[in-house]
């Protein structure tokens, strides 16, 4: 009997010990798990943070880039003119597949895009391109405005030609309305970053009647979206501003396009190891394009 009594007492002691200390051990395990979760969460945040970098966007960037809106309301800013303007007549290496009608000035980078487009058009038998006008300085624009009047020219600072991003393109064979060159530009120029700046039936938005010869460089992927949605530059910039962020893809590349208002210097986070392009809208903010 003493033996069984001893065993009974031993069992009771074990039960009391488990009841008393078991929850403490569980708390320790819970605490350990909680601490481990915090460490993992902190680690994930650190990894996420290390995948981005902070950049500063200054007020002046509102007036620089390929998406600048220039019209009767928003003139060309002194910092908006492309810095690589060259006289094509003096650079025969830049005149490929087209001819020049008089002295022509243009951004060298834009000329390269245009030459690429003309080269591809030539492959399908469209090969009579001529550049009638490119970049114009403010003095030249003002002289043109005074001699031609407001029906045919814009005052200095209010023409896209003052940027270096636009050019008037023609055909050496016939008017652009009927020429294969005109049709080809309407259907294909977006692939090279160009848009038909003043399309038909959009004069109430652009303030300019249909000009089948006037093309403007905005760059991909913007030209693709504008072509697919039949947007003018005015409509496209308003669309981005409304949605804040949009996405698209071109030739296997993924693009994220975001609008940021800029009234003073701001800082934004952008992903590391991605292509980044920043353009002002010449109004109130910038468009940041991330390429994956």
Protein backbone atom coordinates (compact mmCIF):
# COMPACT_ATOMS: atom_id res chain seq x y z
CA UNK A 1 0.00 0.00 0.00
CA UNK A 2 2.84 2.36 0.83
CA UNK A 3 4.26 1.68 -2.61
CA UNK A 4 1.00 2.61 -4.35
CA UNK A 5 0.61 5.67 -2.15
CA UNK A 6 4.07 6.86 -3.16
CA UNK A 7 3.28 6.41 -6.87
CA UNK A 8 0.00 8.31 -6.46
CA UNK A 9 1.79 11.22 -4.77
CA UNK A 10 4.43 11.26 -7.54
CA UNK A 11 1.78 11.40 -10.27
CA UNK A 12 -0.02 14.26 -8.54
CA UNK A 13 3.23 16.21 -8.28
CA UNK A 14 3.83 15.79 -12.02
CA UNK A 15 0.30 16.97 -12.81
CA UNK A 16 0.72 20.06 -10.62
CA UNK A 17 4.11 20.83 -12.21
CA UNK A 18 2.72 20.61 -15.75
CA UNK A 19 -0.29 22.75 -14.86
CA UNK A 20 1.87 25.39 -13.26
CA UNK A 21 4.80 25.60 -15.66
CA UNK A 22 3.29 24.46 -18.98
CA UNK A 23 1.66 27.83 -19.87
CA UNK A 24 4.90 29.61 -19.04
CA UNK A 25 6.74 27.45 -21.52
CA UNK A 26 4.00 28.13 -24.05
CA UNK A 27 4.34 31.86 -23.42
CA UNK A 28 8.05 31.57 -24.00
CA UNK A 29 7.41 29.70 -27.22
CA UNK A 30 4.82 32.28 -28.30
CA UNK A 31 7.19 35.10 -27.39
CA UNK A 32 10.00 33.42 -29.27
CA UNK A 33 7.76 32.99 -32.34
CA UNK A 34 6.60 36.61 -32.08
CA UNK A 35 10.17 37.88 -31.88
CA UNK A 36 11.13 35.68 -34.82
CA UNK A 37 8.19 37.06 -36.82
CA UNK A 38 9.26 40.62 -36.04
CA UNK A 39 12.79 39.83 -37.15
CA UNK A 40 11.50 38.29 -40.39
CA UNK A 41 9.17 41.25 -40.97
CA UNK A 42 12.00 43.69 -40.38
CA UNK A 43 14.20 41.68 -42.70
CA UNK A 44 11.57 41.76 -45.46
CA UNK A 45 11.17 45.51 -45.03
CA UNK A 46 14.92 45.95 -45.27
CA UNK A 47 15.02 43.88 -48.48
CA UNK A 48 12.08 45.87 -49.87
CA UNK A 49 13.72 49.14 -48.89
CA UNK A 50 17.02 48.14 -50.47
CA UNK A 51 15.22 47.51 -53.79
CA UNK A 52 14.39 51.20 -54.13
CA UNK A 53 16.29 54.42 -54.22
CA UNK A 54 15.23 57.97 -53.52
CA UNK A 55 15.63 60.69 -56.12
CA UNK A 56 14.90 64.39 -56.01
CA UNK A 57 12.77 66.06 -58.65
CA UNK A 58 13.27 69.79 -58.94
CA UNK A 59 10.83 72.41 -60.15
CA UNK A 60 12.90 73.00 -63.30
CA UNK A 61 12.22 69.42 -64.45
CA UNK A 62 8.61 70.41 -65.10
CA UNK A 63 10.00 72.22 -68.16
CA UNK A 64 12.32 69.53 -69.52
CA UNK A 65 11.69 66.33 -71.46
CA UNK A 66 9.85 64.86 -74.43
CA UNK A 67 6.28 65.20 -73.12
CA UNK A 68 6.17 68.97 -72.82
CA UNK A 69 2.84 70.49 -73.78
CA UNK A 70 3.22 73.60 -75.92
CA UNK A 71 0.14 75.44 -77.14
CA UNK A 72 -1.59 78.82 -76.84
CA UNK A 73 -1.79 78.42 -73.05
CA UNK A 74 1.62 76.95 -72.28
CA UNK A 75 4.60 78.56 -74.04
CA UNK A 76 8.10 77.16 -74.37
CA UNK A 77 10.18 77.69 -71.24
CA UNK A 78 13.76 78.88 -71.68
CA UNK A 79 15.01 75.56 -70.27
CA UNK A 80 12.83 73.43 -72.57
CA UNK A 81 14.78 73.66 -75.84
CA UNK A 82 16.70 70.50 -76.73
CA UNK A 83 20.41 70.87 -76.09
CA UNK A 84 21.55 68.83 -79.12
CA UNK A 85 20.22 71.03 -81.95
CA UNK A 86 22.33 70.71 -85.10
CA UNK A 87 22.14 72.04 -88.65
CA UNK A 88 21.44 68.95 -90.73
CA UNK A 89 22.79 70.60 -93.88
CA UNK A 90 26.24 70.51 -92.28
CA UNK A 91 25.87 66.91 -91.12
CA UNK A 92 25.52 64.69 -94.17
CA UNK A 93 25.90 61.67 -91.89
CA UNK A 94 22.54 62.56 -90.34
CA UNK A 95 20.65 62.91 -93.64
CA UNK A 96 19.69 59.36 -94.58
CA UNK A 97 16.79 58.45 -96.85
CA UNK A 98 15.28 61.93 -97.05
CA UNK A 99 16.05 65.35 -98.49
CA UNK A 100 16.08 68.82 -96.94
CA UNK A 101 14.08 71.80 -98.10
CA UNK A 102 16.44 74.65 -97.23
CA UNK A 103 18.38 75.07 -93.97
CA UNK A 104 17.02 72.58 -91.42
CA UNK A 105 17.88 72.47 -87.73
CA UNK A 106 16.84 69.57 -85.52
CA UNK A 107 17.72 67.68 -82.36
CA UNK A 108 20.36 65.12 -83.28
CA UNK A 109 18.59 62.47 -81.20
CA UNK A 110 15.27 63.14 -82.93
CA UNK A 111 16.96 63.01 -86.33
CA UNK A 112 18.26 59.53 -85.52
CA UNK A 113 14.74 58.33 -84.68
CA UNK A 114 13.37 59.88 -87.87
CA UNK A 115 16.14 58.29 -89.96
CA UNK A 116 15.32 54.88 -88.47
CA UNK A 117 11.66 55.36 -89.39
CA UNK A 118 12.44 56.48 -92.94
CA UNK A 119 14.78 53.53 -93.43
CA UNK A 120 12.02 51.08 -92.53
CA UNK A 121 9.51 52.89 -94.75
CA UNK A 122 11.92 52.55 -97.67
CA UNK A 123 11.81 48.76 -97.27
CA UNK A 124 8.17 48.81 -98.35
CA UNK A 125 8.66 51.29 -101.19
CA UNK A 126 7.79 54.51 -99.34
CA UNK A 127 10.87 56.59 -100.08
CA UNK A 128 10.09 60.19 -101.02
CA UNK A 129 10.39 61.98 -97.68
CA UNK A 130 11.44 65.59 -97.34
CA UNK A 131 11.88 67.72 -94.22
CA UNK A 132 10.46 71.18 -94.77
CA UNK A 133 10.97 72.55 -91.28
CA UNK A 134 12.52 71.52 -87.99
CA UNK A 135 13.70 73.55 -85.02
CA UNK A 136 13.15 77.31 -85.16
CA UNK A 137 14.70 79.83 -82.83
CA UNK A 138 12.49 82.45 -81.22
CA UNK A 139 13.70 85.19 -83.57
CA UNK A 140 12.96 83.12 -86.66
CA UNK A 141 9.55 82.19 -85.28
CA UNK A 142 8.68 85.81 -84.57
CA UNK A 143 9.75 86.84 -88.07
CA UNK A 144 7.62 84.07 -89.56
CA UNK A 145 4.64 85.10 -87.45
CA UNK A 146 4.90 88.73 -88.56
CA UNK A 147 5.26 87.86 -92.24
CA UNK A 148 2.61 85.11 -92.44
CA UNK A 149 0.12 86.24 -89.82
CA UNK A 150 -1.75 84.34 -87.12
CA UNK A 151 -3.64 82.18 -89.64
CA UNK A 152 -0.45 80.45 -90.75
CA UNK A 153 2.03 80.83 -87.91
CA UNK A 154 2.25 81.08 -84.13
CA UNK A 155 4.04 83.77 -82.14
CA UNK A 156 7.51 83.06 -80.79
CA UNK A 157 7.46 80.68 -77.85
CA UNK A 158 4.07 79.18 -78.66
CA UNK A 159 5.16 76.88 -81.47
CA UNK A 160 6.39 73.32 -80.96
CA UNK A 161 9.08 74.09 -83.51
CA UNK A 162 10.75 76.17 -80.79
CA UNK A 163 11.40 72.97 -78.80
CA UNK A 164 13.42 70.94 -81.29
CA UNK A 165 11.05 67.96 -80.96
CA UNK A 166 8.87 68.64 -84.00
CA UNK A 167 9.34 68.62 -87.74
CA UNK A 168 7.24 69.24 -90.82
CA UNK A 169 7.58 66.30 -93.17
CA UNK A 170 6.43 66.13 -96.77
CA UNK A 171 6.58 64.04 -99.90
CA UNK A 172 8.56 65.07 -102.95
CA UNK A 173 5.83 63.54 -105.12
CA UNK A 174 2.51 64.94 -103.88
CA UNK A 175 0.67 66.50 -100.95
CA UNK A 176 0.86 64.57 -97.70
CA UNK A 177 -2.92 64.11 -97.62
CA UNK A 178 -2.65 61.82 -100.66
CA UNK A 179 0.98 60.70 -100.51
CA UNK A 180 2.06 57.21 -99.40
CA UNK A 181 4.46 58.99 -97.05
CA UNK A 182 1.54 60.66 -95.29
CA UNK A 183 -0.39 57.42 -94.89
CA UNK A 184 2.69 55.57 -93.70
CA UNK A 185 3.39 58.20 -91.04
CA UNK A 186 -0.19 58.06 -89.76
CA UNK A 187 -0.05 54.28 -89.40
CA UNK A 188 3.54 53.65 -88.33
CA UNK A 189 5.25 56.71 -86.84
CA UNK A 190 4.15 55.73 -83.30
CA UNK A 191 6.49 52.72 -83.46
CA UNK A 192 9.42 55.14 -83.46
CA UNK A 193 8.09 57.46 -80.75
CA UNK A 194 6.39 60.01 -83.03
CA UNK A 195 2.80 61.24 -83.06
CA UNK A 196 0.75 63.17 -85.57
CA UNK A 197 0.47 66.24 -83.37
CA UNK A 198 -2.53 67.88 -85.05
CA UNK A 199 -4.84 65.08 -86.22
CA UNK A 200 -8.18 65.56 -87.99
CA UNK A 201 -11.27 66.33 -85.90
CA UNK A 202 -9.22 67.43 -82.88
CA UNK A 203 -8.84 71.16 -83.55
CA UNK A 204 -11.17 71.98 -80.67
CA UNK A 205 -8.61 70.35 -78.35
CA UNK A 206 -5.28 71.29 -79.93
CA UNK A 207 -6.32 74.70 -81.24
CA UNK A 208 -4.69 73.82 -84.58
CA UNK A 209 -6.42 72.48 -87.69
CA UNK A 210 -5.38 69.18 -89.24
CA UNK A 211 -1.71 69.12 -90.28
CA UNK A 212 -0.76 65.77 -91.85
CA UNK A 213 2.85 66.91 -92.14
CA UNK A 214 3.54 67.94 -88.53
CA UNK A 215 4.98 65.15 -86.39
CA UNK A 216 6.21 65.41 -82.83
CA UNK A 217 8.51 63.13 -80.86
CA UNK A 218 7.20 61.96 -77.46
CA UNK A 219 8.95 58.58 -77.26
CA UNK A 220 7.77 55.07 -76.51
CA UNK A 221 5.64 53.84 -74.81
CA UNK A 222 3.71 57.12 -74.87
CA UNK A 223 3.29 57.21 -78.65
CA UNK A 224 1.82 53.69 -78.57
CA UNK A 225 -0.81 54.58 -75.97
CA UNK A 226 -1.71 57.79 -77.80
CA UNK A 227 -2.05 55.93 -81.09
CA UNK A 228 -4.21 53.15 -79.62
CA UNK A 229 -6.50 55.53 -77.74
CA UNK A 230 -6.54 58.21 -80.45
CA UNK A 231 -5.26 60.77 -77.95
CA UNK A 232 -3.78 64.16 -78.66
CA UNK A 233 -0.94 65.20 -76.37
CA UNK A 234 -3.41 67.32 -74.39
CA UNK A 235 -5.70 64.32 -73.87
CA UNK A 236 -2.87 61.96 -72.99
CA UNK A 237 -1.39 64.21 -70.31
CA UNK A 238 -4.84 64.73 -68.81
CA UNK A 239 -5.39 60.95 -68.83
CA UNK A 240 -2.17 60.26 -66.92
CA UNK A 241 -2.93 63.03 -64.45
CA UNK A 242 -6.39 61.61 -63.79
CA UNK A 243 -5.27 58.00 -63.29
CA UNK A 244 -1.98 58.85 -61.52
CA UNK A 245 -0.42 55.58 -62.74
CA UNK A 246 -0.88 53.46 -65.86
CA UNK A 247 0.92 50.46 -67.34
CA UNK A 248 1.59 49.09 -70.81
CA UNK A 249 4.02 46.89 -72.72
CA UNK A 250 5.90 47.34 -75.98
CA UNK A 251 8.01 44.64 -77.64
CA UNK A 252 8.21 42.59 -74.46
CA UNK A 253 9.14 45.53 -72.24
CA UNK A 254 6.88 46.46 -69.33
CA UNK A 255 6.31 50.14 -68.57
CA UNK A 256 4.80 51.90 -65.57
CA UNK A 257 3.95 55.56 -66.12
CA UNK A 258 3.22 57.82 -63.14
CA UNK A 259 2.27 61.46 -62.70
CA UNK A 260 3.66 63.57 -59.84
CA UNK A 261 2.59 67.16 -59.15
CA UNK A 262 5.60 69.42 -58.62
CA UNK A 263 5.19 72.86 -57.07
CA UNK A 264 8.54 72.63 -55.27
CA UNK A 265 11.38 70.13 -55.00
CA UNK A 266 10.07 66.66 -54.09
CA UNK A 267 11.58 63.24 -53.38
CA UNK A 268 10.19 60.00 -54.80
CA UNK A 269 11.08 56.32 -54.53
CA UNK A 270 11.97 54.47 -57.72
CA UNK A 271 13.02 50.82 -58.16
CA UNK A 272 16.70 50.10 -58.58
CA UNK A 273 18.08 48.42 -61.70
CA UNK A 274 15.21 49.65 -63.89
CA UNK A 275 15.17 52.13 -66.74
CA UNK A 276 13.87 55.53 -65.63
CA UNK A 277 12.80 58.48 -67.76
CA UNK A 278 11.49 61.73 -66.30
CA UNK A 279 9.72 64.35 -68.38
CA UNK A 280 7.90 67.46 -67.33
CA UNK A 281 4.52 68.35 -68.80
CA UNK A 282 5.32 72.10 -69.01
CA UNK A 283 2.32 72.75 -66.76
CA UNK A 284 2.42 71.49 -63.18
CA UNK A 285 4.24 68.20 -62.81
CA UNK A 286 6.36 65.38 -64.20
CA UNK A 287 5.73 62.00 -65.77
CA UNK A 288 8.01 59.23 -64.52
CA UNK A 289 8.32 56.21 -66.79
CA UNK A 290 9.81 53.01 -65.35
CA UNK A 291 10.98 50.27 -67.73
CA UNK A 292 11.19 46.71 -66.43
